[in-house]
Amino acid sequence: CMKADFIEWLDRERNQSQQEESTPENYEMPIQITKGAR
């Protein structure tokens, strides 16, 4: 492969992972966290 294509892929992967790290707008925080048996 061409180095330019590889760099392009790296940039796409980095941008995609940065988008996945951000919290989605429709994300709801859990109301309650309880301690189960394990």
PDB file of all heavy atoms in Angstrom:
ATOM      1  N   CYS A   1       0.854  -1.187   0.000  1.00  0.00           N
ATOM      2  CA  CYS A   1       0.000   0.000   0.000  1.00  0.00           C
ATOM      3  C   CYS A   1       0.887   1.234   0.000  1.00  0.00           C
ATOM      4  O   CYS A   1       2.069   1.166   0.351  1.00  0.00           O
ATOM      5  CB  CYS A   1      -0.980  -0.002   1.171  1.00  0.00           C
ATOM      6  SG  CYS A   1      -0.351   0.587   2.725  1.00  0.00           S
ATOM      7  N   MET A   2       0.315   2.338  -0.404  1.00  0.00           N
ATOM      8  CA  MET A   2       1.037   3.600  -0.407  1.00  0.00           C
ATOM      9  C   MET A   2       1.050   4.158   1.018  1.00  0.00           C
ATOM     10  O   MET A   2       0.074   4.012   1.753  1.00  0.00           O
ATOM     11  CB  MET A   2       0.373   4.605  -1.345  1.00  0.00           C
ATOM     12  CG  MET A   2       0.324   4.157  -2.802  1.00  0.00           C
ATOM     13  SD  MET A   2       1.953   3.833  -3.507  1.00  0.00           S
ATOM     14  CE  MET A   2       2.669   5.459  -3.471  1.00  0.00           C
ATOM     15  N   LYS A   3       2.153   4.775   1.382  1.00  0.00           N
ATOM     16  CA  LYS A   3       2.256   5.347   2.723  1.00  0.00           C
ATOM     17  C   LYS A   3       1.155   6.387   2.939  1.00  0.00           C
ATOM     18  O   LYS A   3       0.590   6.471   4.029  1.00  0.00           O
ATOM     19  CB  LYS A   3       3.637   5.967   2.935  1.00  0.00           C
ATOM     20  CG  LYS A   3       3.811   6.562   4.328  1.00  0.00           C
ATOM     21  CD  LYS A   3       5.242   6.850   4.702  1.00  0.00           C
ATOM     22  CE  LYS A   3       5.842   8.011   4.015  1.00  0.00           C
ATOM     23  NZ  LYS A   3       7.162   8.392   4.576  1.00  0.00           N
ATOM     24  N   ALA A   4       0.821   7.152   1.919  1.00  0.00           N
ATOM     25  CA  ALA A   4      -0.229   8.172   2.037  1.00  0.00           C
ATOM     26  C   ALA A   4      -1.571   7.529   2.389  1.00  0.00           C
ATOM     27  O   ALA A   4      -2.334   8.063   3.205  1.00  0.00           O
ATOM     28  CB  ALA A   4      -0.336   8.967   0.754  1.00  0.00           C
ATOM     29  N   ASP A   5      -1.880   6.364   1.773  1.00  0.00           N
ATOM     30  CA  ASP A   5      -3.125   5.662   2.085  1.00  0.00           C
ATOM     31  C   ASP A   5      -3.110   5.135   3.517  1.00  0.00           C
ATOM     32  O   ASP A   5      -4.133   5.146   4.203  1.00  0.00           O
ATOM     33  CB  ASP A   5      -3.350   4.507   1.103  1.00  0.00           C
ATOM     34  CG  ASP A   5      -3.633   4.998  -0.302  1.00  0.00           C
ATOM     35  OD1 ASP A   5      -4.145   6.126  -0.452  1.00  0.00           O
ATOM     36  OD2 ASP A   5      -3.323   4.248  -1.257  1.00  0.00           O
ATOM     37  N   PHE A   6      -1.957   4.673   3.966  1.00  0.00           N
ATOM     38  CA  PHE A   6      -1.829   4.184   5.336  1.00  0.00           C
ATOM     39  C   PHE A   6      -2.031   5.333   6.326  1.00  0.00           C
ATOM     40  O   PHE A   6      -2.740   5.188   7.328  1.00  0.00           O
ATOM     41  CB  PHE A   6      -0.463   3.523   5.533  1.00  0.00           C
ATOM     42  CG  PHE A   6      -0.229   3.002   6.918  1.00  0.00           C
ATOM     43  CD1 PHE A   6      -1.072   2.060   7.482  1.00  0.00           C
ATOM     44  CD2 PHE A   6       0.840   3.457   7.661  1.00  0.00           C
ATOM     45  CE1 PHE A   6      -0.859   1.581   8.762  1.00  0.00           C
ATOM     46  CE2 PHE A   6       1.078   2.980   8.943  1.00  0.00           C
ATOM     47  CZ  PHE A   6       0.228   2.042   9.496  1.00  0.00           C
ATOM     48  N   ILE A   7      -1.442   6.486   6.040  1.00  0.00           N
ATOM     49  CA  ILE A   7      -1.610   7.653   6.918  1.00  0.00           C
ATOM     50  C   ILE A   7      -3.070   8.082   6.946  1.00  0.00           C
ATOM     51  O   ILE A   7      -3.617   8.414   8.002  1.00  0.00           O
ATOM     52  CB  ILE A   7      -0.697   8.811   6.451  1.00  0.00           C
ATOM     53  CG1 ILE A   7       0.768   8.448   6.693  1.00  0.00           C
ATOM     54  CG2 ILE A   7      -1.051  10.111   7.162  1.00  0.00           C
ATOM     55  CD1 ILE A   7       1.758   9.407   6.071  1.00  0.00           C
ATOM     56  N   GLU A   8      -3.716   8.042   5.781  1.00  0.00           N
ATOM     57  CA  GLU A   8      -5.145   8.386   5.708  1.00  0.00           C
ATOM     58  C   GLU A   8      -5.964   7.447   6.584  1.00  0.00           C
ATOM     59  O   GLU A   8      -6.857   7.870   7.320  1.00  0.00           O
ATOM     60  CB  GLU A   8      -5.604   8.304   4.251  1.00  0.00           C
ATOM     61  CG  GLU A   8      -7.046   8.659   4.019  1.00  0.00           C
ATOM     62  CD  GLU A   8      -7.419   8.505   2.554  1.00  0.00           C
ATOM     63  OE1 GLU A   8      -6.713   9.061   1.696  1.00  0.00           O
ATOM     64  OE2 GLU A   8      -8.424   7.815   2.285  1.00  0.00           O
ATOM     65  N   TRP A   9      -5.664   6.146   6.524  1.00  0.00           N
ATOM     66  CA  TRP A   9      -6.363   5.167   7.356  1.00  0.00           C
ATOM     67  C   TRP A   9      -6.114   5.445   8.841  1.00  0.00           C
ATOM     68  O   TRP A   9      -7.048   5.398   9.650  1.00  0.00           O
ATOM     69  CB  TRP A   9      -5.907   3.745   6.993  1.00  0.00           C
ATOM     70  CG  TRP A   9      -6.481   2.717   7.902  1.00  0.00           C
ATOM     71  CD1 TRP A   9      -7.729   2.155   7.837  1.00  0.00           C
ATOM     72  CD2 TRP A   9      -5.841   2.123   9.032  1.00  0.00           C
ATOM     73  NE1 TRP A   9      -7.896   1.257   8.856  1.00  0.00           N
ATOM     74  CE2 TRP A   9      -6.751   1.216   9.609  1.00  0.00           C
ATOM     75  CE3 TRP A   9      -4.585   2.270   9.619  1.00  0.00           C
ATOM     76  CZ2 TRP A   9      -6.449   0.461  10.736  1.00  0.00           C
ATOM     77  CZ3 TRP A   9      -4.289   1.520  10.746  1.00  0.00           C
ATOM     78  CH2 TRP A   9      -5.205   0.630  11.296  1.00  0.00           C
ATOM     79  N   LEU A  10      -4.869   5.755   9.206  1.00  0.00           N
ATOM     80  CA  LEU A  10      -4.559   6.074  10.604  1.00  0.00           C
ATOM     81  C   LEU A  10      -5.368   7.276  11.088  1.00  0.00           C
ATOM     82  O   LEU A  10      -5.913   7.261  12.198  1.00  0.00           O
ATOM     83  CB  LEU A  10      -3.069   6.377  10.768  1.00  0.00           C
ATOM     84  CG  LEU A  10      -2.122   5.205  10.846  1.00  0.00           C
ATOM     85  CD1 LEU A  10      -0.683   5.707  10.887  1.00  0.00           C
ATOM     86  CD2 LEU A  10      -2.401   4.337  12.045  1.00  0.00           C
ATOM     87  N   ASP A  11      -5.450   8.306  10.254  1.00  0.00           N
ATOM     88  CA  ASP A  11      -6.224   9.494  10.622  1.00  0.00           C
ATOM     89  C   ASP A  11      -7.699   9.158  10.805  1.00  0.00           C
ATOM     90  O   ASP A  11      -8.340   9.630  11.747  1.00  0.00           O
ATOM     91  CB  ASP A  11      -6.061  10.599   9.576  1.00  0.00           C
ATOM     92  CG  ASP A  11      -4.682  11.236   9.597  1.00  0.00           C
ATOM     93  OD1 ASP A  11      -3.986  11.126  10.634  1.00  0.00           O
ATOM     94  OD2 ASP A  11      -4.296  11.836   8.570  1.00  0.00           O
ATOM     95  N   ARG A  12      -8.255   8.340   9.888  1.00  0.00           N
ATOM     96  CA  ARG A  12      -9.662   7.928  10.018  1.00  0.00           C
ATOM     97  C   ARG A  12      -9.884   7.159  11.307  1.00  0.00           C
ATOM     98  O   ARG A  12     -10.857   7.388  12.031  1.00  0.00           O
ATOM     99  CB  ARG A  12     -10.081   7.054   8.828  1.00  0.00           C
ATOM    100  CG  ARG A  12     -10.450   7.806   7.596  1.00  0.00           C
ATOM    101  CD  ARG A  12     -11.205   6.928   6.597  1.00  0.00           C
ATOM    102  NE  ARG A  12     -10.698   5.584   6.461  1.00  0.00           N
ATOM    103  CZ  ARG A  12      -9.850   5.177   5.518  1.00  0.00           C
ATOM    104  NH1 ARG A  12      -9.384   6.034   4.637  1.00  0.00           N
ATOM    105  NH2 ARG A  12      -9.453   3.923   5.466  1.00  0.00           N
ATOM    106  N   GLU A  13      -8.982   6.234  11.627  1.00  0.00           N
ATOM    107  CA  GLU A  13      -9.103   5.444  12.849  1.00  0.00           C
ATOM    108  C   GLU A  13      -9.022   6.337  14.085  1.00  0.00           C
ATOM    109  O   GLU A  13      -9.778   6.163  15.035  1.00  0.00           O
ATOM    110  CB  GLU A  13      -8.009   4.378  12.906  1.00  0.00           C
ATOM    111  CG  GLU A  13      -8.223   3.229  11.947  1.00  0.00           C
ATOM    112  CD  GLU A  13      -9.444   2.398  12.306  1.00  0.00           C
ATOM    113  OE1 GLU A  13      -9.565   1.974  13.463  1.00  0.00           O
ATOM    114  OE2 GLU A  13     -10.283   2.184  11.402  1.00  0.00           O
ATOM    115  N   ARG A  14      -8.103   7.279  14.079  1.00  0.00           N
ATOM    116  CA  ARG A  14      -7.961   8.180  15.227  1.00  0.00           C
ATOM    117  C   ARG A  14      -9.211   9.028  15.391  1.00  0.00           C
ATOM    118  O   ARG A  14      -9.730   9.176  16.493  1.00  0.00           O
ATOM    119  CB  ARG A  14      -6.736   9.068  15.048  1.00  0.00           C
ATOM    120  CG  ARG A  14      -6.493   9.961  16.264  1.00  0.00           C
ATOM    121  CD  ARG A  14      -5.272  10.832  16.135  1.00  0.00           C
ATOM    122  NE  ARG A  14      -5.411  11.723  14.994  1.00  0.00           N
ATOM    123  CZ  ARG A  14      -4.494  11.875  14.056  1.00  0.00           C
ATOM    124  NH1 ARG A  14      -3.371  11.211  14.095  1.00  0.00           N
ATOM    125  NH2 ARG A  14      -4.682  12.708  13.059  1.00  0.00           N
ATOM    126  N   ASN A  15      -9.736   9.578  14.293  1.00  0.00           N
ATOM    127  CA  ASN A  15     -10.948  10.401  14.369  1.00  0.00           C
ATOM    128  C   ASN A  15     -12.140   9.584  14.830  1.00  0.00           C
ATOM    129  O   ASN A  15     -12.953  10.052  15.620  1.00  0.00           O
ATOM    130  CB  ASN A  15     -11.241  11.053  13.019  1.00  0.00           C
ATOM    131  CG  ASN A  15     -10.210  12.098  12.642  1.00  0.00           C
ATOM    132  OD1 ASN A  15      -9.528  12.641  13.507  1.00  0.00           O
ATOM    133  ND2 ASN A  15     -10.082  12.361  11.357  1.00  0.00           N
ATOM    134  N   GLN A  16     -12.241   8.345  14.348  1.00  0.00           N
ATOM    135  CA  GLN A  16     -13.349   7.481  14.739  1.00  0.00           C
ATOM    136  C   GLN A  16     -13.265   7.148  16.225  1.00  0.00           C
ATOM    137  O   GLN A  16     -14.266   7.180  16.928  1.00  0.00           O
ATOM    138  CB  GLN A  16     -13.331   6.193  13.907  1.00  0.00           C
ATOM    139  CG  GLN A  16     -14.486   5.267  14.217  1.00  0.00           C
ATOM    140  CD  GLN A  16     -14.442   4.006  13.354  1.00  0.00           C
ATOM    141  OE1 GLN A  16     -13.570   3.858  12.508  1.00  0.00           O
ATOM    142  NE2 GLN A  16     -15.370   3.108  13.581  1.00  0.00           N
ATOM    143  N   SER A  17     -12.070   6.844  16.721  1.00  0.00           N
ATOM    144  CA  SER A  17     -11.942   6.501  18.134  1.00  0.00           C
ATOM    145  C   SER A  17     -12.220   7.707  19.023  1.00  0.00           C
ATOM    146  O   SER A  17     -12.766   7.582  20.107  1.00  0.00           O
ATOM    147  CB  SER A  17     -10.565   5.924  18.435  1.00  0.00           C
ATOM    148  OG  SER A  17      -9.568   6.904  18.288  1.00  0.00           O
ATOM    149  N   GLN A  18     -11.864   8.917  18.559  1.00  0.00           N
ATOM    150  CA  GLN A  18     -12.163  10.123  19.330  1.00  0.00           C
ATOM    151  C   GLN A  18     -13.663  10.369  19.385  1.00  0.00           C
ATOM    152  O   GLN A  18     -14.195  10.792  20.402  1.00  0.00           O
ATOM    153  CB  GLN A  18     -11.451  11.335  18.724  1.00  0.00           C
ATOM    154  CG  GLN A  18      -9.965  11.332  18.961  1.00  0.00           C
ATOM    155  CD  GLN A  18      -9.251  12.450  18.217  1.00  0.00           C
ATOM    156  OE1 GLN A  18      -9.839  13.152  17.406  1.00  0.00           O
ATOM    157  NE2 GLN A  18      -7.956  12.611  18.497  1.00  0.00           N
ATOM    158  N   GLN A  19     -14.381  10.075  18.301  1.00  0.00           N
ATOM    159  CA  GLN A  19     -15.828  10.241  18.291  1.00  0.00           C
ATOM    160  C   GLN A  19     -16.497   9.226  19.211  1.00  0.00           C
ATOM    161  O   GLN A  19     -17.466   9.539  19.876  1.00  0.00           O
ATOM    162  CB  GLN A  19     -16.376  10.097  16.875  1.00  0.00           C
ATOM    163  CG  GLN A  19     -16.031  11.268  15.981  1.00  0.00           C
ATOM    164  CD  GLN A  19     -16.458  11.035  14.541  1.00  0.00           C
ATOM    165  OE1 GLN A  19     -16.952   9.971  14.197  1.00  0.00           O
ATOM    166  NE2 GLN A  19     -16.252  12.030  13.694  1.00  0.00           N
ATOM    167  N   GLU A  20     -15.965   8.004  19.246  1.00  0.00           N
ATOM    168  CA  GLU A  20     -16.540   6.979  20.104  1.00  0.00           C
ATOM    169  C   GLU A  20     -16.322   7.281  21.578  1.00  0.00           C
ATOM    170  O   GLU A  20     -17.114   6.895  22.421  1.00  0.00           O
ATOM    171  CB  GLU A  20     -15.950   5.610  19.760  1.00  0.00           C
ATOM    172  CG  GLU A  20     -16.409   5.089  18.420  1.00  0.00           C
ATOM    173  CD  GLU A  20     -15.688   3.822  18.003  1.00  0.00           C
ATOM    174  OE1 GLU A  20     -14.819   3.356  18.759  1.00  0.00           O
ATOM    175  OE2 GLU A  20     -15.996   3.303  16.922  1.00  0.00           O
ATOM    176  N   GLU A  21     -15.229   7.977  21.891  1.00  0.00           N
ATOM    177  CA  GLU A  21     -14.946   8.315  23.282  1.00  0.00           C
ATOM    178  C   GLU A  21     -15.893   9.377  23.821  1.00  0.00           C
ATOM    179  O   GLU A  21     -16.155   9.440  25.005  1.00  0.00           O
ATOM    180  CB  GLU A  21     -13.498   8.797  23.420  1.00  0.00           C
ATOM    181  CG  GLU A  21     -12.482   7.709  23.256  1.00  0.00           C
ATOM    182  CD  GLU A  21     -11.055   8.231  23.275  1.00  0.00           C
ATOM    183  OE1 GLU A  21     -10.868   9.445  23.482  1.00  0.00           O
ATOM    184  OE2 GLU A  21     -10.143   7.421  23.089  1.00  0.00           O
ATOM    185  N   SER A  22     -16.404  10.233  22.959  1.00  0.00           N
ATOM    186  CA  SER A  22     -17.309  11.279  23.431  1.00  0.00           C
ATOM    187  C   SER A  22     -18.653  10.665  23.796  1.00  0.00           C
ATOM    188  O   SER A  22     -19.102   9.681  23.216  1.00  0.00           O
ATOM    189  CB  SER A  22     -17.480  12.357  22.371  1.00  0.00           C
ATOM    190  OG  SER A  22     -18.083  11.814  21.221  1.00  0.00           O
ATOM    191  N   THR A  23     -19.308  11.239  24.789  1.00  0.00           N
ATOM    192  CA  THR A  23     -20.586  10.719  25.260  1.00  0.00           C
ATOM    193  C   THR A  23     -21.675  11.075  24.262  1.00  0.00           C
ATOM    194  O   THR A  23     -21.823  12.236  23.891  1.00  0.00           O
ATOM    195  CB  THR A  23     -20.924  11.328  26.627  1.00  0.00           C
ATOM    196  OG1 THR A  23     -19.830  11.084  27.499  1.00  0.00           O
ATOM    197  CG2 THR A  23     -22.185  10.744  27.199  1.00  0.00           C
ATOM    198  N   PRO A  24     -22.478  10.079  23.842  1.00  0.00           N
ATOM    199  CA  PRO A  24     -23.564  10.381  22.909  1.00  0.00           C
ATOM    200  C   PRO A  24     -24.618  11.265  23.584  1.00  0.00           C
ATOM    201  O   PRO A  24     -24.799  11.231  24.792  1.00  0.00           O
ATOM    202  CB  PRO A  24     -24.143   9.009  22.547  1.00  0.00           C
ATOM    203  CG  PRO A  24     -23.423   8.010  23.349  1.00  0.00           C
ATOM    204  CD  PRO A  24     -22.361   8.677  24.131  1.00  0.00           C
ATOM    205  N   GLU A  25     -25.331  12.052  22.773  1.00  0.00           N
ATOM    206  CA  GLU A  25     -26.332  12.975  23.310  1.00  0.00           C
ATOM    207  C   GLU A  25     -27.491  12.242  23.969  1.00  0.00           C
ATOM    208  O   GLU A  25     -28.072  12.731  24.926  1.00  0.00           O
ATOM    209  CB  GLU A  25     -26.855  13.888  22.200  1.00  0.00           C
ATOM    210  CG  GLU A  25     -25.808  14.838  21.664  1.00  0.00           C
ATOM    211  CD  GLU A  25     -26.325  15.666  20.516  1.00  0.00           C
ATOM    212  OE1 GLU A  25     -27.548  15.711  20.292  1.00  0.00           O
ATOM    213  OE2 GLU A  25     -25.497  16.274  19.837  1.00  0.00           O
ATOM    214  N   ASN A  26     -27.857  11.067  23.479  1.00  0.00           N
ATOM    215  CA  ASN A  26     -29.009  10.359  24.014  1.00  0.00           C
ATOM    216  C   ASN A  26     -28.639   9.397  25.145  1.00  0.00           C
ATOM    217  O   ASN A  26     -29.442   8.577  25.559  1.00  0.00           O
ATOM    218  CB  ASN A  26     -29.741   9.610  22.898  1.00  0.00           C
ATOM    219  CG  ASN A  26     -28.836   8.600  22.201  1.00  0.00           C
ATOM    220  OD1 ASN A  26     -27.652   8.511  22.504  1.00  0.00           O
ATOM    221  ND2 ASN A  26     -29.401   7.866  21.268  1.00  0.00           N
ATOM    222  N   TYR A  27     -27.445   9.515  25.675  1.00  0.00           N
ATOM    223  CA  TYR A  27     -27.009   8.645  26.764  1.00  0.00           C
ATOM    224  C   TYR A  27     -27.678   9.074  28.052  1.00  0.00           C
ATOM    225  O   TYR A  27     -27.703  10.252  28.391  1.00  0.00           O
ATOM    226  CB  TYR A  27     -25.486   8.709  26.920  1.00  0.00           C
ATOM    227  CG  TYR A  27     -24.953   7.885  28.062  1.00  0.00           C
ATOM    228  CD1 TYR A  27     -24.847   6.511  27.946  1.00  0.00           C
ATOM    229  CD2 TYR A  27     -24.572   8.494  29.250  1.00  0.00           C
ATOM    230  CE1 TYR A  27     -24.362   5.752  28.984  1.00  0.00           C
ATOM    231  CE2 TYR A  27     -24.087   7.744  30.302  1.00  0.00           C
ATOM    232  CZ  TYR A  27     -23.980   6.371  30.163  1.00  0.00           C
ATOM    233  OH  TYR A  27     -23.501   5.619  31.199  1.00  0.00           O
ATOM    234  N   GLU A  28     -28.258   8.107  28.774  1.00  0.00           N
ATOM    235  CA  GLU A  28     -28.898   8.400  30.053  1.00  0.00           C
ATOM    236  C   GLU A  28     -28.072   7.789  31.169  1.00  0.00           C
ATOM    237  O   GLU A  28     -27.671   6.627  31.104  1.00  0.00           O
ATOM    238  CB  GLU A  28     -30.310   7.820  30.092  1.00  0.00           C
ATOM    239  CG  GLU A  28     -31.255   8.482  29.106  1.00  0.00           C
ATOM    240  CD  GLU A  28     -32.649   7.892  29.189  1.00  0.00           C
ATOM    241  OE1 GLU A  28     -33.016   7.366  30.250  1.00  0.00           O
ATOM    242  OE2 GLU A  28     -33.352   7.970  28.177  1.00  0.00           O
ATOM    243  N   MET A  29     -27.842   8.563  32.201  1.00  0.00           N
ATOM    244  CA  MET A  29     -27.110   8.069  33.361  1.00  0.00           C
ATOM    245  C   MET A  29     -27.995   7.074  34.104  1.00  0.00           C
ATOM    246  O   MET A  29     -29.204   7.245  34.192  1.00  0.00           O
ATOM    247  CB  MET A  29     -26.742   9.224  34.298  1.00  0.00           C
ATOM    248  CG  MET A  29     -25.716  10.167  33.725  1.00  0.00           C
ATOM    249  SD  MET A  29     -24.106   9.408  33.500  1.00  0.00           S
ATOM    250  CE  MET A  29     -23.611   9.136  35.172  1.00  0.00           C
ATOM    251  N   PRO A  30     -27.413   6.012  34.679  1.00  0.00           N
ATOM    252  CA  PRO A  30     -28.224   5.079  35.462  1.00  0.00           C
ATOM    253  C   PRO A  30     -28.803   5.780  36.692  1.00  0.00           C
ATOM    254  O   PRO A  30     -28.154   6.637  37.290  1.00  0.00           O
ATOM    255  CB  PRO A  30     -27.239   3.982  35.864  1.00  0.00           C
ATOM    256  CG  PRO A  30     -25.894   4.475  35.503  1.00  0.00           C
ATOM    257  CD  PRO A  30     -26.037   5.616  34.581  1.00  0.00           C
ATOM    258  N   ILE A  31     -30.014   5.411  37.022  1.00  0.00           N
ATOM    259  CA  ILE A  31     -30.695   6.045  38.146  1.00  0.00           C
ATOM    260  C   ILE A  31     -30.087   5.602  39.475  1.00  0.00           C
ATOM    261  O   ILE A  31     -29.866   6.384  40.370  1.00  0.00           O
ATOM    262  CB  ILE A  31     -32.202   5.710  38.110  1.00  0.00           C
ATOM    263  CG1 ILE A  31     -32.799   6.270  36.802  1.00  0.00           C
ATOM    264  CG2 ILE A  31     -32.919   6.255  39.327  1.00  0.00           C
ATOM    265  CD1 ILE A  31     -34.204   5.809  36.552  1.00  0.00           C
ATOM    266  N   GLN A  32     -29.785   4.324  39.570  1.00  0.00           N
ATOM    267  CA  GLN A  32     -29.335   3.806  40.850  1.00  0.00           C
ATOM    268  C   GLN A  32     -28.352   2.665  40.620  1.00  0.00           C
ATOM    269  O   GLN A  32     -28.509   1.869  39.711  1.00  0.00           O
ATOM    270  CB  GLN A  32     -30.558   3.300  41.632  1.00  0.00           C
ATOM    271  CG  GLN A  32     -30.253   2.739  42.977  1.00  0.00           C
ATOM    272  CD  GLN A  32     -31.526   2.222  43.644  1.00  0.00           C
ATOM    273  OE1 GLN A  32     -32.575   2.189  43.045  1.00  0.00           O
ATOM    274  NE2 GLN A  32     -31.400   1.813  44.870  1.00  0.00           N
ATOM    275  N   ILE A  33     -27.341   2.602  41.437  1.00  0.00           N
ATOM    276  CA  ILE A  33     -26.394   1.499  41.381  1.00  0.00           C
ATOM    277  C   ILE A  33     -26.487   0.772  42.711  1.00  0.00           C
ATOM    278  O   ILE A  33     -26.321   1.367  43.777  1.00  0.00           O
ATOM    279  CB  ILE A  33     -24.956   1.993  41.149  1.00  0.00           C
ATOM    280  CG1 ILE A  33     -24.870   2.738  39.815  1.00  0.00           C
ATOM    281  CG2 ILE A  33     -23.969   0.832  41.198  1.00  0.00           C
ATOM    282  CD1 ILE A  33     -23.525   3.334  39.520  1.00  0.00           C
ATOM    283  N   THR A  34     -26.819  -0.533  42.665  1.00  0.00           N
ATOM    284  CA  THR A  34     -26.945  -1.315  43.905  1.00  0.00           C
ATOM    285  C   THR A  34     -25.885  -2.392  43.922  1.00  0.00           C
ATOM    286  O   THR A  34     -25.435  -2.867  42.888  1.00  0.00           O
ATOM    287  CB  THR A  34     -28.333  -1.972  44.007  1.00  0.00           C
ATOM    288  OG1 THR A  34     -28.510  -2.822  42.873  1.00  0.00           O
ATOM    289  CG2 THR A  34     -29.424  -0.922  44.051  1.00  0.00           C
ATOM    290  N   LYS A  35     -25.515  -2.797  45.096  1.00  0.00           N
ATOM    291  CA  LYS A  35     -24.502  -3.830  45.260  1.00  0.00           C
ATOM    292  C   LYS A  35     -25.201  -5.187  45.294  1.00  0.00           C
ATOM    293  O   LYS A  35     -26.022  -5.448  46.155  1.00  0.00           O
ATOM    294  CB  LYS A  35     -23.707  -3.589  46.537  1.00  0.00           C
ATOM    295  CG  LYS A  35     -22.540  -4.521  46.702  1.00  0.00           C
ATOM    296  CD  LYS A  35     -21.718  -4.150  47.903  1.00  0.00           C
ATOM    297  CE  LYS A  35     -20.534  -5.081  48.012  1.00  0.00           C
ATOM    298  NZ  LYS A  35     -19.737  -4.775  49.196  1.00  0.00           N
ATOM    299  N   GLY A  36     -24.868  -6.030  44.307  1.00  0.00           N
ATOM    300  CA  GLY A  36     -25.438  -7.367  44.250  1.00  0.00           C
ATOM    301  C   GLY A  36     -24.592  -8.338  45.046  1.00  0.00           C
ATOM    302  O   GLY A  36     -23.676  -7.965  45.779  1.00  0.00           O
ATOM    303  N   ALA A  37     -24.888  -9.612  44.901  1.00  0.00           N
ATOM    304  CA  ALA A  37     -24.167 -10.636  45.650  1.00  0.00           C
ATOM    305  C   ALA A  37     -22.692 -10.657  45.288  1.00  0.00           C
ATOM    306  O   ALA A  37     -21.834 -10.711  46.152  1.00  0.00           O
ATOM    307  CB  ALA A  37     -24.794 -11.996  45.385  1.00  0.00           C
ATOM    308  N   ARG A  38     -22.383 -10.589  43.990  1.00  0.00           N
ATOM    309  CA  ARG A  38     -20.979 -10.684  43.569  1.00  0.00           C
ATOM    310  C   ARG A  38     -20.489  -9.485  42.774  1.00  0.00           C
ATOM    311  O   ARG A  38     -19.310  -9.361  42.518  1.00  0.00           O
ATOM    312  CB  ARG A  38     -20.779 -11.940  42.741  1.00  0.00           C
ATOM    313  CG  ARG A  38     -20.965 -13.187  43.550  1.00  0.00           C
ATOM    314  CD  ARG A  38     -20.553 -14.365  42.748  1.00  0.00           C
ATOM    315  NE  ARG A  38     -20.663 -15.564  43.574  1.00  0.00           N
ATOM    316  CZ  ARG A  38     -20.570 -16.771  43.140  1.00  0.00           C
ATOM    317  NH1 ARG A  38     -20.338 -16.970  41.873  1.00  0.00           N
ATOM    318  NH2 ARG A  38     -20.682 -17.785  43.938  1.00  0.00           N
TER     319      ARG A  38
END
